[in-house]
C-alpha atoms as a PDB file:
ATOM      1  CA  MET A   1     -15.469 -57.960 -20.982  1.00  0.00           C
ATOM      2  CA  ARG A   2     -18.750 -57.809 -19.114  1.00  0.00           C
ATOM      3  CA  VAL A   3     -19.430 -55.389 -16.249  1.00  0.00           C
ATOM      4  CA  ARG A   4     -22.331 -55.761 -13.843  1.00  0.00           C
ATOM      5  CA  LEU A   5     -23.300 -52.873 -11.561  1.00  0.00           C
ATOM      6  CA  GLU A   6     -25.610 -53.338  -8.614  1.00  0.00           C
ATOM      7  CA  ARG A   7     -26.583 -50.169  -6.773  1.00  0.00           C
ATOM      8  CA  SER A   8     -28.347 -50.253  -3.422  1.00  0.00           C
ATOM      9  CA  GLY A   9     -28.982 -47.849  -0.587  1.00  0.00           C
ATOM     10  CA  GLY A  10     -30.135 -44.301  -0.962  1.00  0.00           C
ATOM     11  CA  PHE A  11     -33.133 -42.798   0.756  1.00  0.00           C
ATOM     12  CA  ALA A  12     -35.601 -45.469  -0.425  1.00  0.00           C
ATOM     13  CA  ASN A  13     -33.041 -48.319  -0.600  1.00  0.00           C
ATOM     14  CA  VAL A  14     -34.132 -49.123  -4.145  1.00  0.00           C
ATOM     15  CA  ARG A  15     -31.885 -51.727  -5.759  1.00  0.00           C
ATOM     16  CA  ARG A  16     -30.867 -51.359  -9.368  1.00  0.00           C
ATOM     17  CA  SER A  17     -28.797 -53.685 -11.500  1.00  0.00           C
ATOM     18  CA  VAL A  18     -27.372 -53.213 -14.987  1.00  0.00           C
ATOM     19  CA  THR A  19     -25.009 -55.307 -17.081  1.00  0.00           C
ATOM     20  CA  VAL A  20     -22.991 -54.047 -20.029  1.00  0.00           C
ATOM     21  CA  ASP A  21     -21.244 -56.540 -22.299  1.00  0.00           C
ATOM     22  CA  ALA A  22     -18.455 -55.165 -24.482  1.00  0.00           C
ATOM     23  CA  ALA A  23     -19.232 -57.806 -27.115  1.00  0.00           C
ATOM     24  CA  ALA A  24     -22.666 -56.228 -27.655  1.00  0.00           C
ATOM     25  CA  LEU A  25     -21.302 -52.676 -28.006  1.00  0.00           C
ATOM     26  CA  ALA A  26     -19.989 -50.757 -30.984  1.00  0.00           C
ATOM     27  CA  PRO A  27     -16.164 -50.925 -31.108  1.00  0.00           C
ATOM     28  CA  GLY A  28     -15.741 -47.360 -29.854  1.00  0.00           C
ATOM     29  CA  GLN A  29     -18.056 -47.963 -26.908  1.00  0.00           C
ATOM     30  CA  ALA A  30     -16.318 -51.243 -26.066  1.00  0.00           C
ATOM     31  CA  GLU A  31     -12.971 -49.433 -25.980  1.00  0.00           C
ATOM     32  CA  GLU A  32     -14.493 -46.704 -23.783  1.00  0.00           C
ATOM     33  CA  LEU A  33     -15.727 -49.358 -21.351  1.00  0.00           C
ATOM     34  CA  ARG A  34     -12.244 -50.892 -21.127  1.00  0.00           C
ATOM     35  CA  ARG A  35     -10.695 -47.466 -20.590  1.00  0.00           C
ATOM     36  CA  LEU A  36     -13.166 -46.542 -17.855  1.00  0.00           C
ATOM     37  CA  VAL A  37     -12.674 -49.859 -16.038  1.00  0.00           C
ATOM     38  CA  ALA A  38      -8.889 -49.452 -16.171  1.00  0.00           C
ATOM     39  CA  ALA A  39      -9.094 -45.849 -14.922  1.00  0.00           C
ATOM     40  CA  ALA A  40     -11.392 -46.840 -12.034  1.00  0.00           C
ATOM     41  CA  ASP A  41      -8.620 -49.144 -10.745  1.00  0.00           C
ATOM     42  CA  LEU A  42     -11.036 -51.441  -8.922  1.00  0.00           C
ATOM     43  CA  GLY A  43      -8.195 -53.358  -7.298  1.00  0.00           C
ATOM     44  CA  THR A  44      -7.660 -50.459  -4.884  1.00  0.00           C
ATOM     45  CA  PHE A  45     -11.084 -50.833  -3.243  1.00  0.00           C
ATOM     46  CA  SER A  46     -12.004 -53.087  -0.344  1.00  0.00           C
ATOM     47  CA  GLU A  47     -14.406 -55.947  -0.999  1.00  0.00           C
ATOM     48  CA  ASN A  48     -16.521 -54.943   2.027  1.00  0.00           C
ATOM     49  CA  PRO A  49     -16.523 -51.217   2.770  1.00  0.00           C
ATOM     50  CA  THR A  50     -17.435 -49.749   6.121  1.00  0.00           C
ATOM     51  CA  PRO A  51     -20.100 -47.053   5.670  1.00  0.00           C
ATOM     52  CA  LEU A  52     -19.254 -43.693   7.155  1.00  0.00           C
ATOM     53  CA  ALA A  53     -21.138 -42.838  10.331  1.00  0.00           C
ATOM     54  CA  GLY A  54     -23.983 -40.382   9.897  1.00  0.00           C
ATOM     55  CA  ARG A  55     -24.414 -41.111   6.179  1.00  0.00           C
ATOM     56  CA  PRO A  56     -26.971 -43.948   6.050  1.00  0.00           C
ATOM     57  CA  ASP A  57     -28.636 -42.791   2.816  1.00  0.00           C
ATOM     58  CA  ARG A  58     -25.573 -43.134   0.602  1.00  0.00           C
ATOM     59  CA  PHE A  59     -25.436 -45.566  -2.294  1.00  0.00           C
ATOM     60  CA  ILE A  60     -23.426 -48.767  -2.255  1.00  0.00           C
ATOM     61  CA  TYR A  61     -22.012 -49.957  -5.589  1.00  0.00           C
ATOM     62  CA  ARG A  62     -21.149 -53.596  -6.231  1.00  0.00           C
ATOM     63  CA  LEU A  63     -19.217 -53.993  -9.471  1.00  0.00           C
ATOM     64  CA  THR A  64     -18.299 -57.286 -11.080  1.00  0.00           C
ATOM     65  CA  VAL A  65     -15.908 -57.278 -14.025  1.00  0.00           C
ATOM     66  CA  GLU A  66     -15.627 -60.462 -16.055  1.00  0.00           C
ATOM     67  CA  ASP A  67     -13.107 -61.020 -18.808  1.00  0.00           C
ATOM     68  CA  GLU A  68     -11.434 -63.990 -20.472  1.00  0.00           C
ATOM     69  CA  LYS A  69      -9.054 -64.425 -17.531  1.00  0.00           C
ATOM     70  CA  ALA A  70     -11.070 -63.862 -14.369  1.00  0.00           C
ATOM     71  CA  GLU A  71     -13.973 -62.320 -12.531  1.00  0.00           C
ATOM     72  CA  HIS A  72     -13.407 -59.585  -9.949  1.00  0.00           C
ATOM     73  CA  THR A  73     -16.026 -58.076  -7.639  1.00  0.00           C
ATOM     74  CA  VAL A  74     -15.723 -55.061  -5.369  1.00  0.00           C
ATOM     75  CA  THR A  75     -18.209 -53.238  -3.209  1.00  0.00           C
ATOM     76  CA  VAL A  76     -17.694 -49.505  -2.831  1.00  0.00           C
ATOM     77  CA  SER A  77     -19.640 -46.965  -0.820  1.00  0.00           C
ATOM     78  CA  GLU A  78     -20.587 -43.755  -2.584  1.00  0.00           C
ATOM     79  CA  ASP A  79     -18.413 -41.824  -0.133  1.00  0.00           C
ATOM     80  CA  ALA A  80     -15.336 -43.851  -1.092  1.00  0.00           C
ATOM     81  CA  ALA A  81     -15.920 -43.787  -4.848  1.00  0.00           C
ATOM     82  CA  SER A  82     -13.210 -41.943  -6.748  1.00  0.00           C
ATOM     83  CA  GLU A  83     -14.096 -39.594  -9.609  1.00  0.00           C
ATOM     84  CA  ASP A  84     -12.978 -42.274 -12.070  1.00  0.00           C
ATOM     85  CA  LEU A  85     -15.246 -44.850 -10.427  1.00  0.00           C
ATOM     86  CA  GLN A  86     -18.152 -42.402 -10.464  1.00  0.00           C
ATOM     87  CA  ARG A  87     -17.562 -41.842 -14.199  1.00  0.00           C
ATOM     88  CA  LEU A  88     -17.667 -45.621 -14.763  1.00  0.00           C
ATOM     89  CA  VAL A  89     -20.903 -45.966 -12.761  1.00  0.00           C
ATOM     90  CA  GLY A  90     -22.543 -43.110 -14.658  1.00  0.00           C
ATOM     91  CA  TRP A  91     -21.420 -44.479 -18.015  1.00  0.00           C
ATOM     92  CA  LEU A  92     -22.729 -47.965 -17.196  1.00  0.00           C
ATOM     93  CA  GLN A  93     -26.107 -46.583 -16.136  1.00  0.00           C
ATOM     94  CA  GLN A  94     -26.398 -44.349 -19.198  1.00  0.00           C
ATOM     95  CA  THR A  95     -25.304 -47.063 -21.624  1.00  0.00           C
ATOM     96  CA  ALA A  96     -27.678 -49.655 -20.145  1.00  0.00           C
ATOM     97  CA  GLU A  97     -30.597 -47.243 -20.429  1.00  0.00           C
ATOM     98  CA  GLY A  98     -29.718 -46.839 -24.094  1.00  0.00           C
END
């Protein structure tokens, strides 16, 4: 499994991209990645979110999950991100920074 996170928006609209590949992780970390992706339930999010009015400085997350079977991409506004999705985003950022 490989997960790519692209974050855009925010006050300065700085784009950031990280990729975490389970094959390059320790077994425990790889299992944590799979658990976080499953908990985030990305299938429940729209591919193209509508930003909430009056909140132009929020982040937009574009997540692509690749595994042996398929590739799935969703785009989620910060306002619509569930706690589980926020945990996944934070974990990806922290893990990529090493």
